[in-house]
N, C-alpha and C. Protein backbone atom coordinates (compact mmCIF):
# COMPACT_ATOMS: atom_id res chain seq x y z
N UNK A 1 8.52 0.43 -14.45
CA UNK A 1 8.50 -0.97 -14.53
C UNK A 1 8.68 -1.39 -15.94
N UNK A 2 9.44 -2.42 -16.20
CA UNK A 2 9.68 -2.99 -17.51
C UNK A 2 8.29 -3.49 -18.11
N UNK A 3 8.11 -3.27 -19.37
CA UNK A 3 6.93 -3.81 -20.04
C UNK A 3 5.65 -3.01 -19.67
N UNK A 4 5.71 -1.90 -19.07
CA UNK A 4 4.58 -1.18 -18.64
C UNK A 4 3.90 -0.50 -19.78
N UNK A 5 2.61 -0.75 -20.05
CA UNK A 5 1.86 -0.19 -21.08
C UNK A 5 0.64 0.44 -20.38
N UNK A 6 0.47 1.76 -20.50
CA UNK A 6 -0.65 2.45 -19.83
C UNK A 6 -1.54 3.12 -20.81
N UNK A 7 -2.85 2.87 -20.71
CA UNK A 7 -3.81 3.59 -21.57
C UNK A 7 -4.59 4.39 -20.59
N UNK A 8 -4.86 5.65 -20.97
CA UNK A 8 -5.56 6.57 -20.18
C UNK A 8 -6.82 6.85 -21.01
N UNK A 9 -7.96 6.51 -20.43
CA UNK A 9 -9.25 6.87 -21.02
C UNK A 9 -9.37 8.36 -20.85
N UNK A 10 -9.94 9.09 -21.85
CA UNK A 10 -9.97 10.49 -21.75
C UNK A 10 -11.30 11.10 -21.52
N UNK A 11 -12.34 10.40 -21.41
CA UNK A 11 -13.65 10.96 -21.33
C UNK A 11 -13.88 11.45 -19.90
N UNK A 12 -13.90 12.80 -19.80
CA UNK A 12 -14.15 13.53 -18.53
C UNK A 12 -13.11 13.25 -17.48
N UNK A 13 -11.86 13.06 -17.78
CA UNK A 13 -10.90 12.64 -16.84
C UNK A 13 -9.70 13.61 -16.84
N UNK A 14 -9.31 14.03 -15.69
CA UNK A 14 -8.07 14.94 -15.72
C UNK A 14 -6.81 14.14 -15.37
N UNK A 15 -5.65 14.66 -15.95
CA UNK A 15 -4.42 14.02 -15.71
C UNK A 15 -4.05 13.93 -14.25
N UNK A 16 -4.27 14.91 -13.41
CA UNK A 16 -3.99 14.70 -11.98
C UNK A 16 -4.77 13.60 -11.30
N UNK A 17 -5.98 13.44 -11.69
CA UNK A 17 -6.79 12.35 -11.09
C UNK A 17 -6.23 10.99 -11.52
N UNK A 18 -5.87 10.82 -12.85
CA UNK A 18 -5.35 9.60 -13.35
C UNK A 18 -4.02 9.32 -12.63
N UNK A 19 -3.13 10.31 -12.65
CA UNK A 19 -1.80 10.13 -11.88
C UNK A 19 -1.90 9.71 -10.54
N UNK A 20 -2.78 10.34 -9.75
CA UNK A 20 -3.04 9.94 -8.39
C UNK A 20 -3.61 8.53 -8.27
N UNK A 21 -4.42 8.06 -9.16
CA UNK A 21 -4.92 6.73 -9.20
C UNK A 21 -3.80 5.74 -9.41
N UNK A 22 -2.82 6.12 -10.44
CA UNK A 22 -1.73 5.24 -10.69
C UNK A 22 -0.84 5.12 -9.44
N UNK A 23 -0.67 6.16 -8.71
CA UNK A 23 0.17 6.18 -7.48
C UNK A 23 -0.57 5.29 -6.40
N UNK A 24 -1.89 5.36 -6.30
CA UNK A 24 -2.65 4.55 -5.36
C UNK A 24 -2.61 3.11 -5.68
N UNK A 25 -2.61 2.78 -6.95
CA UNK A 25 -2.55 1.31 -7.41
C UNK A 25 -1.08 0.81 -7.14
N UNK A 26 -0.14 1.54 -7.40
CA UNK A 26 1.24 1.16 -7.14
C UNK A 26 1.49 0.87 -5.67
N UNK A 27 0.96 1.84 -4.84
CA UNK A 27 1.10 1.70 -3.40
C UNK A 27 0.32 0.43 -2.90
N UNK A 28 -0.81 0.17 -3.49
CA UNK A 28 -1.56 -1.10 -3.07
C UNK A 28 -0.73 -2.27 -3.40
N UNK A 29 -0.15 -2.36 -4.59
CA UNK A 29 0.68 -3.60 -4.94
C UNK A 29 1.92 -3.71 -4.05
N UNK A 30 2.47 -2.56 -3.63
CA UNK A 30 3.65 -2.62 -2.73
C UNK A 30 3.21 -3.05 -1.29
N UNK A 31 2.15 -2.67 -0.80
CA UNK A 31 1.74 -2.81 0.59
C UNK A 31 0.86 -3.98 0.84
N UNK A 32 0.22 -4.62 -0.14
CA UNK A 32 -0.68 -5.69 0.04
C UNK A 32 -0.01 -7.00 0.36
N UNK A 33 1.32 -6.98 0.43
CA UNK A 33 2.07 -8.15 0.74
C UNK A 33 2.38 -8.25 2.22
N UNK A 34 2.54 -9.50 2.80
CA UNK A 34 2.89 -9.69 4.12
C UNK A 34 4.30 -9.11 4.33
N UNK A 35 4.67 -8.44 5.41
CA UNK A 35 3.83 -8.20 6.59
C UNK A 35 3.05 -6.85 6.59
N UNK A 36 3.03 -6.13 5.56
CA UNK A 36 2.42 -4.80 5.62
C UNK A 36 0.89 -4.83 5.17
N UNK A 37 0.47 -5.99 4.71
CA UNK A 37 -0.95 -6.09 4.22
C UNK A 37 -1.98 -5.72 5.17
N UNK A 38 -1.91 -6.21 6.40
CA UNK A 38 -3.00 -5.92 7.42
C UNK A 38 -3.06 -4.49 7.65
N UNK A 39 -1.92 -3.85 7.94
CA UNK A 39 -1.98 -2.39 8.22
C UNK A 39 -2.43 -1.58 7.05
N UNK A 40 -1.98 -1.98 5.89
CA UNK A 40 -2.50 -1.30 4.63
C UNK A 40 -3.95 -1.38 4.47
N UNK A 41 -4.56 -2.59 4.62
CA UNK A 41 -5.96 -2.79 4.45
C UNK A 41 -6.78 -2.05 5.51
N UNK A 42 -6.28 -2.02 6.74
CA UNK A 42 -6.99 -1.39 7.78
C UNK A 42 -7.03 0.16 7.68
N UNK A 43 -5.95 0.75 7.05
CA UNK A 43 -5.87 2.16 6.92
C UNK A 43 -6.34 2.68 5.59
N UNK A 44 -6.17 1.87 4.54
CA UNK A 44 -6.40 2.34 3.16
C UNK A 44 -7.41 1.69 2.30
N UNK A 45 -8.23 0.72 2.92
CA UNK A 45 -9.27 0.03 2.18
C UNK A 45 -10.61 0.61 2.69
N UNK A 46 -11.57 0.56 1.85
CA UNK A 46 -12.89 0.91 2.20
C UNK A 46 -13.45 -0.05 3.24
N UNK A 47 -14.32 0.31 4.20
CA UNK A 47 -14.84 -0.66 5.06
C UNK A 47 -15.65 -1.78 4.50
N UNK A 48 -16.22 -1.50 3.29
CA UNK A 48 -17.01 -2.54 2.62
C UNK A 48 -16.18 -3.16 1.48
N UNK A 49 -14.84 -3.17 1.63
CA UNK A 49 -13.95 -3.80 0.61
C UNK A 49 -14.45 -5.19 0.38
N UNK A 50 -14.28 -5.63 -0.97
CA UNK A 50 -14.66 -6.97 -1.25
C UNK A 50 -13.76 -7.41 -2.40
N UNK A 51 -13.30 -8.74 -2.39
CA UNK A 51 -12.46 -9.22 -3.43
C UNK A 51 -13.04 -10.52 -3.95
N UNK A 52 -12.81 -10.77 -5.24
CA UNK A 52 -13.08 -12.04 -5.88
C UNK A 52 -11.73 -12.47 -6.50
N UNK A 53 -11.15 -13.57 -5.94
CA UNK A 53 -9.78 -13.96 -6.33
C UNK A 53 -9.81 -15.02 -7.46
N UNK A 54 -8.67 -15.10 -8.16
CA UNK A 54 -8.55 -16.07 -9.25
C UNK A 54 -8.80 -17.44 -8.91
N UNK A 55 -8.58 -17.89 -7.65
CA UNK A 55 -8.81 -19.21 -7.22
C UNK A 55 -10.26 -19.51 -6.81
N UNK A 56 -11.15 -18.53 -7.07
CA UNK A 56 -12.56 -18.69 -6.73
C UNK A 56 -12.98 -18.41 -5.33
N UNK A 57 -12.03 -17.78 -4.52
CA UNK A 57 -12.47 -17.42 -3.17
C UNK A 57 -12.90 -15.91 -3.24
N UNK A 58 -13.81 -15.59 -2.39
CA UNK A 58 -14.26 -14.18 -2.13
C UNK A 58 -13.89 -13.79 -0.66
N UNK A 59 -13.53 -12.63 -0.56
CA UNK A 59 -13.14 -12.07 0.75
C UNK A 59 -13.68 -10.68 1.08
N UNK A 60 -14.17 -10.56 2.30
CA UNK A 60 -14.53 -9.27 2.85
C UNK A 60 -13.26 -8.64 3.35
N UNK A 61 -13.29 -7.45 3.88
CA UNK A 61 -12.19 -6.78 4.47
C UNK A 61 -11.60 -7.52 5.62
N UNK A 62 -12.42 -8.04 6.48
CA UNK A 62 -11.89 -8.79 7.69
C UNK A 62 -11.24 -10.08 7.22
N UNK A 63 -11.79 -10.78 6.29
CA UNK A 63 -11.16 -12.04 5.78
C UNK A 63 -9.83 -11.74 5.09
N UNK A 64 -9.81 -10.70 4.30
CA UNK A 64 -8.46 -10.30 3.65
C UNK A 64 -7.43 -9.96 4.58
N UNK A 65 -7.81 -9.25 5.62
CA UNK A 65 -6.86 -8.87 6.78
C UNK A 65 -6.27 -10.08 7.41
N UNK A 66 -7.15 -11.11 7.65
CA UNK A 66 -6.77 -12.39 8.35
C UNK A 66 -6.02 -13.34 7.46
N UNK A 67 -5.96 -13.13 6.20
CA UNK A 67 -5.42 -14.15 5.30
C UNK A 67 -3.90 -13.96 5.07
N UNK A 68 -3.13 -14.17 6.10
CA UNK A 68 -1.60 -13.97 6.02
C UNK A 68 -0.99 -15.04 5.06
N UNK A 69 -1.54 -16.16 4.88
CA UNK A 69 -0.92 -17.16 4.07
C UNK A 69 -0.97 -16.68 2.60
N UNK A 70 -2.05 -16.04 2.14
CA UNK A 70 -2.08 -15.56 0.78
C UNK A 70 -1.15 -14.36 0.65
N UNK A 71 -1.09 -13.51 1.65
CA UNK A 71 -0.18 -12.32 1.52
C UNK A 71 1.29 -12.72 1.63
N UNK A 72 1.65 -13.76 2.32
CA UNK A 72 2.96 -14.26 2.28
C UNK A 72 3.40 -14.80 0.93
N UNK A 73 2.44 -15.52 0.26
CA UNK A 73 2.64 -15.97 -0.99
C UNK A 73 2.87 -14.86 -2.02
N UNK A 74 2.08 -13.79 -1.90
CA UNK A 74 2.23 -12.60 -2.81
C UNK A 74 3.61 -12.01 -2.56
N UNK A 75 4.06 -11.95 -1.36
CA UNK A 75 5.35 -11.34 -1.06
C UNK A 75 6.51 -12.14 -1.61
N UNK A 76 6.29 -13.43 -1.76
CA UNK A 76 7.40 -14.28 -2.20
C UNK A 76 7.56 -14.22 -3.80
N UNK A 77 6.61 -13.67 -4.48
CA UNK A 77 6.66 -13.53 -5.90
C UNK A 77 7.18 -12.24 -6.40
N UNK A 78 7.55 -12.15 -7.64
CA UNK A 78 7.84 -10.84 -8.35
C UNK A 78 6.78 -10.75 -9.49
N UNK A 79 6.56 -9.58 -9.93
CA UNK A 79 5.48 -9.31 -10.86
C UNK A 79 5.83 -8.46 -12.04
N UNK A 80 5.29 -8.77 -13.16
CA UNK A 80 5.49 -7.90 -14.39
C UNK A 80 4.10 -7.55 -14.82
N UNK A 81 3.82 -6.20 -14.72
CA UNK A 81 2.49 -5.68 -15.15
C UNK A 81 2.51 -5.19 -16.57
N UNK A 82 1.35 -5.26 -17.24
CA UNK A 82 1.29 -4.67 -18.55
C UNK A 82 -0.16 -4.54 -18.93
N UNK A 83 -0.45 -3.85 -20.05
CA UNK A 83 -1.80 -3.60 -20.49
C UNK A 83 -2.68 -2.94 -19.41
N UNK A 84 -2.11 -2.05 -18.67
CA UNK A 84 -2.85 -1.29 -17.63
C UNK A 84 -3.79 -0.28 -18.33
N UNK A 85 -4.94 -0.09 -17.84
CA UNK A 85 -5.87 0.96 -18.14
C UNK A 85 -6.38 1.66 -16.99
N UNK A 86 -6.32 2.99 -16.95
CA UNK A 86 -6.75 3.75 -15.75
C UNK A 86 -8.00 4.62 -16.25
N UNK A 87 -9.03 4.57 -15.42
CA UNK A 87 -10.23 5.45 -15.77
C UNK A 87 -10.68 5.99 -14.40
N UNK A 88 -11.11 7.22 -14.51
CA UNK A 88 -11.67 7.91 -13.31
C UNK A 88 -13.08 8.53 -13.69
N UNK A 89 -14.08 8.19 -12.94
CA UNK A 89 -15.45 8.67 -13.10
C UNK A 89 -15.87 9.29 -11.77
N UNK A 90 -15.80 10.61 -11.68
CA UNK A 90 -16.08 11.25 -10.44
C UNK A 90 -15.15 10.85 -9.32
N UNK A 91 -15.74 10.14 -8.29
CA UNK A 91 -14.91 9.74 -7.24
C UNK A 91 -14.54 8.22 -7.25
N UNK A 92 -14.70 7.60 -8.36
CA UNK A 92 -14.44 6.15 -8.63
C UNK A 92 -13.34 6.01 -9.60
N UNK A 93 -12.31 5.28 -9.28
CA UNK A 93 -11.19 5.01 -10.17
C UNK A 93 -11.16 3.45 -10.44
N UNK A 94 -11.02 3.04 -11.69
CA UNK A 94 -11.01 1.73 -12.03
C UNK A 94 -9.73 1.45 -12.81
N UNK A 95 -9.05 0.35 -12.40
CA UNK A 95 -7.79 -0.03 -13.00
C UNK A 95 -8.00 -1.44 -13.64
N UNK A 96 -7.72 -1.64 -14.86
CA UNK A 96 -7.74 -2.97 -15.42
C UNK A 96 -6.32 -3.33 -15.93
N UNK A 97 -5.87 -4.46 -15.74
CA UNK A 97 -4.54 -4.78 -16.23
C UNK A 97 -4.25 -6.32 -16.34
N UNK A 98 -3.09 -6.64 -16.72
CA UNK A 98 -2.55 -7.97 -16.80
C UNK A 98 -1.28 -8.02 -15.98
N UNK A 99 -1.03 -9.21 -15.38
CA UNK A 99 0.17 -9.30 -14.60
C UNK A 99 0.72 -10.76 -14.70
N UNK A 100 2.03 -10.92 -14.84
CA UNK A 100 2.67 -12.15 -14.83
C UNK A 100 3.41 -12.33 -13.48
N UNK A 101 3.26 -13.43 -12.85
CA UNK A 101 3.89 -13.66 -11.58
C UNK A 101 4.98 -14.69 -11.76
N UNK A 102 6.09 -14.41 -10.99
CA UNK A 102 7.26 -15.28 -11.10
C UNK A 102 7.72 -15.69 -9.61
N UNK A 103 8.19 -16.91 -9.51
CA UNK A 103 8.80 -17.33 -8.25
C UNK A 103 10.31 -17.58 -8.70
N UNK A 104 11.13 -16.65 -8.40
CA UNK A 104 12.49 -16.66 -8.79
C UNK A 104 12.44 -16.48 -10.33
N UNK A 105 12.98 -17.38 -11.11
CA UNK A 105 12.91 -17.32 -12.57
C UNK A 105 11.71 -17.98 -13.19
N UNK A 106 11.05 -18.75 -12.34
CA UNK A 106 9.96 -19.59 -12.81
C UNK A 106 8.68 -18.75 -13.04
N UNK A 107 8.20 -18.70 -14.18
CA UNK A 107 6.87 -18.02 -14.53
C UNK A 107 5.73 -18.94 -14.07
N UNK A 108 4.94 -18.49 -13.10
CA UNK A 108 3.97 -19.35 -12.49
C UNK A 108 2.50 -19.08 -12.95
N UNK A 109 2.20 -17.81 -13.21
CA UNK A 109 0.80 -17.54 -13.53
C UNK A 109 0.68 -16.17 -14.21
N UNK A 110 -0.32 -16.05 -15.06
CA UNK A 110 -0.66 -14.71 -15.57
C UNK A 110 -2.14 -14.46 -15.19
N UNK A 111 -2.45 -13.31 -14.66
CA UNK A 111 -3.79 -13.03 -14.32
C UNK A 111 -4.21 -11.66 -14.80
N UNK A 112 -5.50 -11.56 -15.06
CA UNK A 112 -6.15 -10.29 -15.50
C UNK A 112 -6.86 -9.81 -14.21
N UNK A 113 -6.84 -8.47 -14.04
CA UNK A 113 -7.45 -7.94 -12.80
C UNK A 113 -8.20 -6.57 -13.07
N UNK A 114 -9.11 -6.36 -12.13
CA UNK A 114 -9.74 -5.11 -11.99
C UNK A 114 -9.59 -4.64 -10.54
N UNK A 115 -9.08 -3.51 -10.34
CA UNK A 115 -9.02 -2.93 -8.96
C UNK A 115 -9.85 -1.66 -8.98
N UNK A 116 -10.66 -1.50 -8.02
CA UNK A 116 -11.48 -0.34 -7.84
C UNK A 116 -11.11 0.42 -6.70
N UNK A 117 -11.03 1.77 -6.85
CA UNK A 117 -10.63 2.69 -5.77
C UNK A 117 -11.74 3.75 -5.70
N UNK A 118 -11.99 4.26 -4.53
CA UNK A 118 -12.87 5.37 -4.19
C UNK A 118 -12.15 6.53 -3.64
N UNK A 119 -12.35 7.69 -4.24
CA UNK A 119 -11.70 8.87 -3.67
C UNK A 119 -12.49 9.38 -2.56
N UNK A 120 -11.90 9.26 -1.28
CA UNK A 120 -12.61 9.68 -0.08
C UNK A 120 -11.88 10.82 0.49
N UNK A 121 -12.41 11.98 0.30
CA UNK A 121 -11.83 13.24 0.85
C UNK A 121 -10.44 13.49 0.31
N UNK A 122 -10.18 13.24 -1.02
CA UNK A 122 -8.92 13.53 -1.64
C UNK A 122 -7.93 12.41 -1.64
N UNK A 123 -8.30 11.21 -0.99
CA UNK A 123 -7.42 10.10 -0.92
C UNK A 123 -8.03 8.87 -1.59
N UNK A 124 -7.38 8.20 -2.54
CA UNK A 124 -7.87 6.98 -3.11
C UNK A 124 -7.88 5.87 -2.11
N UNK A 125 -9.01 5.21 -1.80
CA UNK A 125 -9.17 4.08 -0.92
C UNK A 125 -9.45 2.87 -1.75
N UNK A 126 -8.82 1.76 -1.40
CA UNK A 126 -8.95 0.48 -2.11
C UNK A 126 -10.30 -0.02 -1.79
N UNK A 127 -11.15 -0.31 -2.80
CA UNK A 127 -12.52 -0.72 -2.57
C UNK A 127 -12.88 -2.15 -3.06
N UNK A 128 -12.23 -2.56 -4.12
CA UNK A 128 -12.59 -3.95 -4.64
C UNK A 128 -11.50 -4.45 -5.53
N UNK A 129 -11.47 -5.79 -5.63
CA UNK A 129 -10.45 -6.49 -6.46
C UNK A 129 -11.17 -7.65 -7.09
N UNK A 130 -10.93 -7.89 -8.37
CA UNK A 130 -11.36 -9.13 -9.05
C UNK A 130 -10.18 -9.59 -9.88
N UNK A 131 -9.81 -10.78 -9.73
CA UNK A 131 -8.65 -11.34 -10.57
C UNK A 131 -9.14 -12.65 -11.15
N UNK A 132 -8.69 -12.96 -12.31
CA UNK A 132 -9.00 -14.17 -13.05
C UNK A 132 -7.68 -14.71 -13.77
N UNK A 133 -7.57 -15.89 -13.90
CA UNK A 133 -6.40 -16.57 -14.59
C UNK A 133 -6.56 -16.25 -16.09
N UNK A 134 -5.50 -15.78 -16.71
CA UNK A 134 -5.58 -15.50 -18.21
C UNK A 134 -5.56 -16.87 -18.90
N UNK A 135 -6.21 -16.85 -20.10
CA UNK A 135 -6.12 -18.03 -20.96
C UNK A 135 -4.75 -18.34 -21.40
N UNK A 136 -3.83 -17.41 -21.36
CA UNK A 136 -2.45 -17.53 -21.72
C UNK A 136 -1.56 -18.07 -20.59
N UNK A 137 -2.05 -18.28 -19.48
CA UNK A 137 -1.30 -18.65 -18.25
C UNK A 137 -0.97 -20.09 -18.24
N UNK A 138 0.23 -20.34 -17.74
CA UNK A 138 0.46 -21.78 -17.35
C UNK A 138 -0.42 -22.20 -16.22
N UNK A 139 -0.72 -23.48 -16.01
CA UNK A 139 -1.58 -23.82 -14.84
C UNK A 139 -0.94 -23.33 -13.60
N UNK A 140 -1.79 -22.53 -12.81
CA UNK A 140 -1.28 -21.98 -11.61
C UNK A 140 -1.02 -22.96 -10.47
N UNK A 141 -0.04 -22.65 -9.55
CA UNK A 141 0.09 -23.47 -8.47
C UNK A 141 -1.02 -23.40 -7.51
N UNK A 142 -1.18 -24.31 -6.60
CA UNK A 142 -2.28 -24.22 -5.64
C UNK A 142 -2.16 -23.03 -4.71
N UNK A 143 -3.26 -22.37 -4.40
CA UNK A 143 -3.27 -21.29 -3.45
C UNK A 143 -3.09 -21.88 -2.00
N UNK A 144 -2.45 -21.10 -1.14
CA UNK A 144 -2.26 -21.66 0.25
C UNK A 144 -3.63 -21.63 0.97
N UNK A 145 -3.77 -22.50 1.87
CA UNK A 145 -5.00 -22.46 2.72
C UNK A 145 -4.82 -21.55 3.86
N UNK A 146 -5.72 -20.63 4.03
CA UNK A 146 -5.50 -19.51 5.05
C UNK A 146 -6.21 -19.72 6.23
């Protein structure tokens, strides 16, 4: 990806664990969009998944699966990721990053995020999301009502 900057924290972490976490995060961003979002969440999210979104909404796994309006909006945009940091502590992987979202050529929002994954029997499962609008962001468009 263009503009990708990755920092690997080194305290007690192995390169294979970090690499597999990077792959899990990339898969999440590819699959979390409509129409693949529901199947992805059902198969690859923890049962107690929880998100806090930049627009102030919170979602459990069942609410996230049902929110096709938000997932359609995500699918309509393109993204530029940067300032990513990957950390692994035992079976918990934490990713922090920044992302700019575009609709066509129009830059619509920049958000900061934390994605948490849990390694369940050798596979990273999506456990939690928190996003917030960056202070450097243009005013975001309204989120769809789901």
